[in-house]
Amino acid sequence: NVDVGFYTSWIHGKFMFNNATLEEIFKQVVRWYDVDILFASEDLKKIRFTGSITRHKSIDALLRLIEITSPINITLNGDRYVINSK
């Protein structure tokens, strides 16, 4: 069975991630918010995340949700978000 709601959540204004890698998630974040992201190491890209948030939240709210529930820190360095290990 396929969870259609998961694949159409963007229509209803939600970002949903189900065991997605941070690399996959941040590719979408770059497109949605037109920001630049830098991973401090390649290993960080492989970390998996599951969660959802309304698309009407700010990028900071989305990043804080990911940061709180993952073993990473996200900092803003100039105009680029940098992903580091905790």
PDB file of N, CA and C in Angstrom:
ATOM      1  N   ASN A   1       0.830  -1.195   0.000  1.00  0.00           N
ATOM      2  CA  ASN A   1       0.000   0.000   0.000  1.00  0.00           C
ATOM      3  C   ASN A   1       0.867   1.249   0.000  1.00  0.00           C
ATOM      4  N   VAL A   2       0.429   2.235  -0.707  1.00  0.00           N
ATOM      5  CA  VAL A   2       1.156   3.501  -0.802  1.00  0.00           C
ATOM      6  C   VAL A   2       0.420   4.554   0.010  1.00  0.00           C
ATOM      7  N   ASP A   3       1.179   5.321   0.795  1.00  0.00           N
ATOM      8  CA  ASP A   3       0.601   6.422   1.567  1.00  0.00           C
ATOM      9  C   ASP A   3       0.526   7.648   0.667  1.00  0.00           C
ATOM     10  N   VAL A   4      -0.602   7.822  -0.015  1.00  0.00           N
ATOM     11  CA  VAL A   4      -0.785   8.923  -0.953  1.00  0.00           C
ATOM     12  C   VAL A   4      -0.648  10.264  -0.246  1.00  0.00           C
ATOM     13  N   GLY A   5      -1.111  10.345   0.992  1.00  0.00           N
ATOM     14  CA  GLY A   5      -1.015  11.593   1.749  1.00  0.00           C
ATOM     15  C   GLY A   5       0.407  12.077   1.897  1.00  0.00           C
ATOM     16  N   PHE A   6       1.328  11.126   2.045  1.00  0.00           N
ATOM     17  CA  PHE A   6       2.738  11.490   2.161  1.00  0.00           C
ATOM     18  C   PHE A   6       3.225  12.175   0.890  1.00  0.00           C
ATOM     19  N   TYR A   7       2.860  11.639  -0.269  1.00  0.00           N
ATOM     20  CA  TYR A   7       3.338  12.166  -1.535  1.00  0.00           C
ATOM     21  C   TYR A   7       2.607  13.421  -1.993  1.00  0.00           C
ATOM     22  N   THR A   8       1.447  13.693  -1.448  1.00  0.00           N
ATOM     23  CA  THR A   8       0.690  14.884  -1.840  1.00  0.00           C
ATOM     24  C   THR A   8       0.618  15.924  -0.727  1.00  0.00           C
ATOM     25  N   SER A   9       1.385  15.736   0.334  1.00  0.00           N
ATOM     26  CA  SER A   9       1.325  16.648   1.478  1.00  0.00           C
ATOM     27  C   SER A   9       1.656  18.081   1.097  1.00  0.00           C
ATOM     28  N   TRP A  10       2.536  18.270   0.100  1.00  0.00           N
ATOM     29  CA  TRP A  10       2.917  19.627  -0.302  1.00  0.00           C
ATOM     30  C   TRP A  10       1.717  20.403  -0.817  1.00  0.00           C
ATOM     31  N   ILE A  11       0.738  19.711  -1.378  1.00  0.00           N
ATOM     32  CA  ILE A  11      -0.469  20.378  -1.873  1.00  0.00           C
ATOM     33  C   ILE A  11      -1.228  21.019  -0.716  1.00  0.00           C
ATOM     34  N   HIS A  12      -1.153  20.377   0.445  1.00  0.00           N
ATOM     35  CA  HIS A  12      -1.863  20.850   1.635  1.00  0.00           C
ATOM     36  C   HIS A  12      -0.977  21.711   2.528  1.00  0.00           C
ATOM     37  N   GLY A  13       0.151  22.161   1.992  1.00  0.00           N
ATOM     38  CA  GLY A  13       1.009  23.080   2.732  1.00  0.00           C
ATOM     39  C   GLY A  13       1.857  22.433   3.798  1.00  0.00           C
ATOM     40  N   LYS A  14       2.232  21.172   3.610  1.00  0.00           N
ATOM     41  CA  LYS A  14       3.071  20.488   4.596  1.00  0.00           C
ATOM     42  C   LYS A  14       4.323  19.936   3.944  1.00  0.00           C
ATOM     43  N   PHE A  15       5.397  19.962   4.709  1.00  0.00           N
ATOM     44  CA  PHE A  15       6.614  19.261   4.335  1.00  0.00           C
ATOM     45  C   PHE A  15       6.619  17.983   5.155  1.00  0.00           C
ATOM     46  N   MET A  16       6.713  16.842   4.509  1.00  0.00           N
ATOM     47  CA  MET A  16       6.761  15.567   5.218  1.00  0.00           C
ATOM     48  C   MET A  16       7.981  14.789   4.741  1.00  0.00           C
ATOM     49  N   PHE A  17       8.697  14.245   5.713  1.00  0.00           N
ATOM     50  CA  PHE A  17       9.877  13.455   5.417  1.00  0.00           C
ATOM     51  C   PHE A  17       9.740  12.126   6.133  1.00  0.00           C
ATOM     52  N   ASN A  18       9.954  11.041   5.412  1.00  0.00           N
ATOM     53  CA  ASN A  18       9.852   9.707   5.998  1.00  0.00           C
ATOM     54  C   ASN A  18      11.158   8.969   5.733  1.00  0.00           C
ATOM     55  N   ASN A  19      12.018   8.960   6.741  1.00  0.00           N
ATOM     56  CA  ASN A  19      13.309   8.291   6.649  1.00  0.00           C
ATOM     57  C   ASN A  19      14.149   8.849   5.490  1.00  0.00           C
ATOM     58  N   ALA A  20      14.037  10.128   5.244  1.00  0.00           N
ATOM     59  CA  ALA A  20      14.789  10.789   4.177  1.00  0.00           C
ATOM     60  C   ALA A  20      16.179  11.161   4.676  1.00  0.00           C
ATOM     61  N   THR A  21      17.151  11.150   3.780  1.00  0.00           N
ATOM     62  CA  THR A  21      18.486  11.601   4.170  1.00  0.00           C
ATOM     63  C   THR A  21      18.482  13.122   4.276  1.00  0.00           C
ATOM     64  N   LEU A  22      19.404  13.642   5.069  1.00  0.00           N
ATOM     65  CA  LEU A  22      19.508  15.103   5.162  1.00  0.00           C
ATOM     66  C   LEU A  22      19.868  15.705   3.813  1.00  0.00           C
ATOM     67  N   GLU A  23      20.606  14.972   3.008  1.00  0.00           N
ATOM     68  CA  GLU A  23      20.918  15.471   1.671  1.00  0.00           C
ATOM     69  C   GLU A  23      19.638  15.654   0.852  1.00  0.00           C
ATOM     70  N   GLU A  24      18.732  14.689   0.898  1.00  0.00           N
ATOM     71  CA  GLU A  24      17.458  14.793   0.181  1.00  0.00           C
ATOM     72  C   GLU A  24      16.626  15.953   0.715  1.00  0.00           C
ATOM     73  N   ILE A  25      16.577  16.069   2.031  1.00  0.00           N
ATOM     74  CA  ILE A  25      15.783  17.130   2.661  1.00  0.00           C
ATOM     75  C   ILE A  25      16.329  18.502   2.280  1.00  0.00           C
ATOM     76  N   PHE A  26      17.635  18.668   2.387  1.00  0.00           N
ATOM     77  CA  PHE A  26      18.190  19.990   2.141  1.00  0.00           C
ATOM     78  C   PHE A  26      18.193  20.370   0.662  1.00  0.00           C
ATOM     79  N   LYS A  27      18.120  19.404  -0.238  1.00  0.00           N
ATOM     80  CA  LYS A  27      17.910  19.739  -1.648  1.00  0.00           C
ATOM     81  C   LYS A  27      16.563  20.435  -1.815  1.00  0.00           C
ATOM     82  N   GLN A  28      15.550  19.947  -1.093  1.00  0.00           N
ATOM     83  CA  GLN A  28      14.231  20.582  -1.147  1.00  0.00           C
ATOM     84  C   GLN A  28      14.244  21.940  -0.452  1.00  0.00           C
ATOM     85  N   VAL A  29      14.929  22.027   0.691  1.00  0.00           N
ATOM     86  CA  VAL A  29      15.006  23.301   1.426  1.00  0.00           C
ATOM     87  C   VAL A  29      15.639  24.377   0.549  1.00  0.00           C
ATOM     88  N   VAL A  30      16.688  24.021  -0.165  1.00  0.00           N
ATOM     89  CA  VAL A  30      17.355  24.980  -1.062  1.00  0.00           C
ATOM     90  C   VAL A  30      16.372  25.502  -2.105  1.00  0.00           C
ATOM     91  N   ARG A  31      15.565  24.611  -2.673  1.00  0.00           N
ATOM     92  CA  ARG A  31      14.574  25.030  -3.685  1.00  0.00           C
ATOM     93  C   ARG A  31      13.452  25.852  -3.063  1.00  0.00           C
ATOM     94  N   TRP A  32      12.899  25.394  -1.927  1.00  0.00           N
ATOM     95  CA  TRP A  32      11.740  26.059  -1.324  1.00  0.00           C
ATOM     96  C   TRP A  32      12.070  27.451  -0.815  1.00  0.00           C
ATOM     97  N   TYR A  33      13.246  27.581  -0.198  1.00  0.00           N
ATOM     98  CA  TYR A  33      13.565  28.845   0.468  1.00  0.00           C
ATOM     99  C   TYR A  33      14.649  29.656  -0.241  1.00  0.00           C
ATOM    100  N   ASP A  34      15.198  29.137  -1.344  1.00  0.00           N
ATOM    101  CA  ASP A  34      16.235  29.844  -2.103  1.00  0.00           C
ATOM    102  C   ASP A  34      17.400  30.245  -1.200  1.00  0.00           C
ATOM    103  N   VAL A  35      17.973  29.244  -0.518  1.00  0.00           N
ATOM    104  CA  VAL A  35      19.103  29.462   0.382  1.00  0.00           C
ATOM    105  C   VAL A  35      20.259  28.574  -0.051  1.00  0.00           C
ATOM    106  N   ASP A  36      21.423  28.825   0.533  1.00  0.00           N
ATOM    107  CA  ASP A  36      22.614  28.030   0.263  1.00  0.00           C
ATOM    108  C   ASP A  36      22.926  27.202   1.510  1.00  0.00           C
ATOM    109  N   ILE A  37      23.227  25.929   1.304  1.00  0.00           N
ATOM    110  CA  ILE A  37      23.508  25.000   2.401  1.00  0.00           C
ATOM    111  C   ILE A  37      24.887  24.394   2.181  1.00  0.00           C
ATOM    112  N   LEU A  38      25.657  24.248   3.257  1.00  0.00           N
ATOM    113  CA  LEU A  38      26.962  23.601   3.192  1.00  0.00           C
ATOM    114  C   LEU A  38      27.033  22.538   4.283  1.00  0.00           C
ATOM    115  N   PHE A  39      27.345  21.317   3.913  1.00  0.00           N
ATOM    116  CA  PHE A  39      27.568  20.245   4.874  1.00  0.00           C
ATOM    117  C   PHE A  39      29.045  20.245   5.249  1.00  0.00           C
ATOM    118  N   ALA A  40      29.343  20.221   6.555  1.00  0.00           N
ATOM    119  CA  ALA A  40      30.726  20.225   7.020  1.00  0.00           C
ATOM    120  C   ALA A  40      31.432  18.917   6.673  1.00  0.00           C
ATOM    121  N   SER A  41      30.669  17.824   6.520  1.00  0.00           N
ATOM    122  CA  SER A  41      31.257  16.551   6.105  1.00  0.00           C
ATOM    123  C   SER A  41      30.231  15.763   5.291  1.00  0.00           C
ATOM    124  N   GLU A  42      30.729  14.877   4.455  1.00  0.00           N
ATOM    125  CA  GLU A  42      29.868  14.051   3.615  1.00  0.00           C
ATOM    126  C   GLU A  42      29.010  13.098   4.444  1.00  0.00           C
ATOM    127  N   ASP A  43      29.512  12.642   5.585  1.00  0.00           N
ATOM    128  CA  ASP A  43      28.763  11.712   6.440  1.00  0.00           C
ATOM    129  C   ASP A  43      27.450  12.308   6.926  1.00  0.00           C
ATOM    130  N   LEU A  44      27.412  13.609   7.120  1.00  0.00           N
ATOM    131  CA  LEU A  44      26.194  14.268   7.598  1.00  0.00           C
ATOM    132  C   LEU A  44      25.051  14.140   6.595  1.00  0.00           C
ATOM    133  N   LYS A  45      25.373  14.051   5.334  1.00  0.00           N
ATOM    134  CA  LYS A  45      24.350  13.942   4.290  1.00  0.00           C
ATOM    135  C   LYS A  45      23.560  12.643   4.403  1.00  0.00           C
ATOM    136  N   LYS A  46      24.133  11.632   5.033  1.00  0.00           N
ATOM    137  CA  LYS A  46      23.527  10.305   5.110  1.00  0.00           C
ATOM    138  C   LYS A  46      22.602  10.127   6.312  1.00  0.00           C
ATOM    139  N   ILE A  47      22.598  11.075   7.234  1.00  0.00           N
ATOM    140  CA  ILE A  47      21.728  10.987   8.413  1.00  0.00           C
ATOM    141  C   ILE A  47      20.279  10.996   7.945  1.00  0.00           C
ATOM    142  N   ARG A  48      19.455  10.159   8.561  1.00  0.00           N
ATOM    143  CA  ARG A  48      18.050  10.029   8.160  1.00  0.00           C
ATOM    144  C   ARG A  48      17.150  10.782   9.128  1.00  0.00           C
ATOM    145  N   PHE A  49      16.033  11.281   8.588  1.00  0.00           N
ATOM    146  CA  PHE A  49      15.100  12.105   9.363  1.00  0.00           C
ATOM    147  C   PHE A  49      13.676  11.770   8.961  1.00  0.00           C
ATOM    148  N   THR A  50      12.803  11.718   9.957  1.00  0.00           N
ATOM    149  CA  THR A  50      11.375  11.555   9.730  1.00  0.00           C
ATOM    150  C   THR A  50      10.652  12.653  10.506  1.00  0.00           C
ATOM    151  N   GLY A  51       9.751  13.359   9.850  1.00  0.00           N
ATOM    152  CA  GLY A  51       8.997  14.402  10.523  1.00  0.00           C
ATOM    153  C   GLY A  51       8.175  15.201   9.534  1.00  0.00           C
ATOM    154  N   SER A  52       7.393  16.130  10.061  1.00  0.00           N
ATOM    155  CA  SER A  52       6.594  17.004   9.207  1.00  0.00           C
ATOM    156  C   SER A  52       6.447  18.365   9.870  1.00  0.00           C
ATOM    157  N   ILE A  53       6.209  19.356   9.024  1.00  0.00           N
ATOM    158  CA  ILE A  53       6.001  20.722   9.507  1.00  0.00           C
ATOM    159  C   ILE A  53       5.182  21.446   8.452  1.00  0.00           C
ATOM    160  N   THR A  54       4.377  22.390   8.875  1.00  0.00           N
ATOM    161  CA  THR A  54       3.604  23.173   7.921  1.00  0.00           C
ATOM    162  C   THR A  54       4.548  24.029   7.080  1.00  0.00           C
ATOM    163  N   ARG A  55       4.242  24.144   5.821  1.00  0.00           N
ATOM    164  CA  ARG A  55       5.095  24.890   4.903  1.00  0.00           C
ATOM    165  C   ARG A  55       5.040  26.392   5.166  1.00  0.00           C
ATOM    166  N   HIS A  56       4.087  26.845   5.932  1.00  0.00           N
ATOM    167  CA  HIS A  56       3.938  28.270   6.208  1.00  0.00           C
ATOM    168  C   HIS A  56       4.886  28.747   7.305  1.00  0.00           C
ATOM    169  N   LYS A  57       5.606  27.811   7.922  1.00  0.00           N
ATOM    170  CA  LYS A  57       6.601  28.183   8.935  1.00  0.00           C
ATOM    171  C   LYS A  57       7.826  28.759   8.246  1.00  0.00           C
ATOM    172  N   SER A  58       8.594  29.514   8.992  1.00  0.00           N
ATOM    173  CA  SER A  58       9.816  30.096   8.444  1.00  0.00           C
ATOM    174  C   SER A  58      10.883  29.013   8.272  1.00  0.00           C
ATOM    175  N   ILE A  59      11.902  29.341   7.500  1.00  0.00           N
ATOM    176  CA  ILE A  59      13.004  28.399   7.346  1.00  0.00           C
ATOM    177  C   ILE A  59      13.658  28.126   8.696  1.00  0.00           C
ATOM    178  N   ASP A  60      13.712  29.132   9.555  1.00  0.00           N
ATOM    179  CA  ASP A  60      14.312  28.931  10.878  1.00  0.00           C
ATOM    180  C   ASP A  60      13.539  27.890  11.682  1.00  0.00           C
ATOM    181  N   ALA A  61      12.213  27.904  11.605  1.00  0.00           N
ATOM    182  CA  ALA A  61      11.409  26.912  12.322  1.00  0.00           C
ATOM    183  C   ALA A  61      11.681  25.509  11.790  1.00  0.00           C
ATOM    184  N   LEU A  62      11.768  25.371  10.480  1.00  0.00           N
ATOM    185  CA  LEU A  62      12.052  24.075   9.877  1.00  0.00           C
ATOM    186  C   LEU A  62      13.437  23.589  10.282  1.00  0.00           C
ATOM    187  N   LEU A  63      14.433  24.446  10.212  1.00  0.00           N
ATOM    188  CA  LEU A  63      15.796  24.058  10.563  1.00  0.00           C
ATOM    189  C   LEU A  63      15.917  23.701  12.038  1.00  0.00           C
ATOM    190  N   ARG A  64      15.227  24.439  12.894  1.00  0.00           N
ATOM    191  CA  ARG A  64      15.273  24.135  14.337  1.00  0.00           C
ATOM    192  C   ARG A  64      14.642  22.774  14.625  1.00  0.00           C
ATOM    193  N   LEU A  65      13.553  22.450  13.938  1.00  0.00           N
ATOM    194  CA  LEU A  65      12.916  21.144  14.102  1.00  0.00           C
ATOM    195  C   LEU A  65      13.894  20.029  13.728  1.00  0.00           C
ATOM    196  N   ILE A  66      14.566  20.184  12.607  1.00  0.00           N
ATOM    197  CA  ILE A  66      15.540  19.186  12.179  1.00  0.00           C
ATOM    198  C   ILE A  66      16.707  19.127  13.155  1.00  0.00           C
ATOM    199  N   GLU A  67      17.163  20.275  13.592  1.00  0.00           N
ATOM    200  CA  GLU A  67      18.306  20.344  14.503  1.00  0.00           C
ATOM    201  C   GLU A  67      17.996  19.699  15.858  1.00  0.00           C
ATOM    202  N   ILE A  68      16.814  19.949  16.384  1.00  0.00           N
ATOM    203  CA  ILE A  68      16.432  19.417  17.695  1.00  0.00           C
ATOM    204  C   ILE A  68      16.310  17.895  17.671  1.00  0.00           C
ATOM    205  N   THR A  69      15.873  17.358  16.544  1.00  0.00           N
ATOM    206  CA  THR A  69      15.595  15.927  16.477  1.00  0.00           C
ATOM    207  C   THR A  69      16.673  15.135  15.738  1.00  0.00           C
ATOM    208  N   SER A  70      17.795  15.766  15.431  1.00  0.00           N
ATOM    209  CA  SER A  70      18.890  15.106  14.722  1.00  0.00           C
ATOM    210  C   SER A  70      20.208  15.430  15.426  1.00  0.00           C
ATOM    211  N   PRO A  71      21.241  14.647  15.150  1.00  0.00           N
ATOM    212  CA  PRO A  71      22.544  14.896  15.789  1.00  0.00           C
ATOM    213  C   PRO A  71      23.370  15.953  15.052  1.00  0.00           C
ATOM    214  N   ILE A  72      22.728  17.072  14.721  1.00  0.00           N
ATOM    215  CA  ILE A  72      23.411  18.129  13.971  1.00  0.00           C
ATOM    216  C   ILE A  72      23.171  19.496  14.599  1.00  0.00           C
ATOM    217  N   ASN A  73      24.043  20.416  14.258  1.00  0.00           N
ATOM    218  CA  ASN A  73      23.872  21.835  14.551  1.00  0.00           C
ATOM    219  C   ASN A  73      23.805  22.565  13.222  1.00  0.00           C
ATOM    220  N   ILE A  74      22.949  23.563  13.148  1.00  0.00           N
ATOM    221  CA  ILE A  74      22.822  24.361  11.928  1.00  0.00           C
ATOM    222  C   ILE A  74      23.093  25.814  12.301  1.00  0.00           C
ATOM    223  N   THR A  75      24.063  26.407  11.637  1.00  0.00           N
ATOM    224  CA  THR A  75      24.399  27.803  11.907  1.00  0.00           C
ATOM    225  C   THR A  75      24.325  28.594  10.613  1.00  0.00           C
ATOM    226  N   LEU A  76      24.051  29.868  10.761  1.00  0.00           N
ATOM    227  CA  LEU A  76      24.031  30.776   9.618  1.00  0.00           C
ATOM    228  C   LEU A  76      25.378  31.485   9.583  1.00  0.00           C
ATOM    229  N   ASN A  77      26.101  31.310   8.492  1.00  0.00           N
ATOM    230  CA  ASN A  77      27.403  31.932   8.320  1.00  0.00           C
ATOM    231  C   ASN A  77      27.319  32.829   7.087  1.00  0.00           C
ATOM    232  N   GLY A  78      27.115  34.113   7.315  1.00  0.00           N
ATOM    233  CA  GLY A  78      26.890  35.028   6.205  1.00  0.00           C
ATOM    234  C   GLY A  78      25.532  34.751   5.604  1.00  0.00           C
ATOM    235  N   ASP A  79      25.496  34.315   4.355  1.00  0.00           N
ATOM    236  CA  ASP A  79      24.224  33.993   3.713  1.00  0.00           C
ATOM    237  C   ASP A  79      24.082  32.498   3.457  1.00  0.00           C
ATOM    238  N   ARG A  80      24.884  31.689   4.168  1.00  0.00           N
ATOM    239  CA  ARG A  80      24.878  30.244   3.980  1.00  0.00           C
ATOM    240  C   ARG A  80      24.628  29.538   5.315  1.00  0.00           C
ATOM    241  N   TYR A  81      23.758  28.518   5.265  1.00  0.00           N
ATOM    242  CA  TYR A  81      23.534  27.663   6.426  1.00  0.00           C
ATOM    243  C   TYR A  81      24.565  26.545   6.408  1.00  0.00           C
ATOM    244  N   VAL A  82      25.220  26.332   7.547  1.00  0.00           N
ATOM    245  CA  VAL A  82      26.258  25.313   7.652  1.00  0.00           C
ATOM    246  C   VAL A  82      25.764  24.214   8.576  1.00  0.00           C
ATOM    247  N   ILE A  83      25.868  22.949   8.110  1.00  0.00           N
ATOM    248  CA  ILE A  83      25.428  21.785   8.854  1.00  0.00           C
ATOM    249  C   ILE A  83      26.671  21.124   9.454  1.00  0.00           C
ATOM    250  N   ASN A  84      26.709  21.020  10.801  1.00  0.00           N
ATOM    251  CA  ASN A  84      27.804  20.400  11.518  1.00  0.00           C
ATOM    252  C   ASN A  84      27.272  19.317  12.445  1.00  0.00           C
ATOM    253  N   SER A  85      28.166  18.438  12.915  1.00  0.00           N
ATOM    254  CA  SER A  85      27.801  17.457  13.938  1.00  0.00           C
ATOM    255  C   SER A  85      27.680  18.146  15.286  1.00  0.00           C
ATOM    256  N   LYS A  86      26.820  17.594  16.149  1.00  0.00           N
ATOM    257  CA  LYS A  86      26.718  18.122  17.526  1.00  0.00           C
ATOM    258  C   LYS A  86      27.920  17.686  18.315  1.00  0.00           C
TER     259      LYS A  86
END
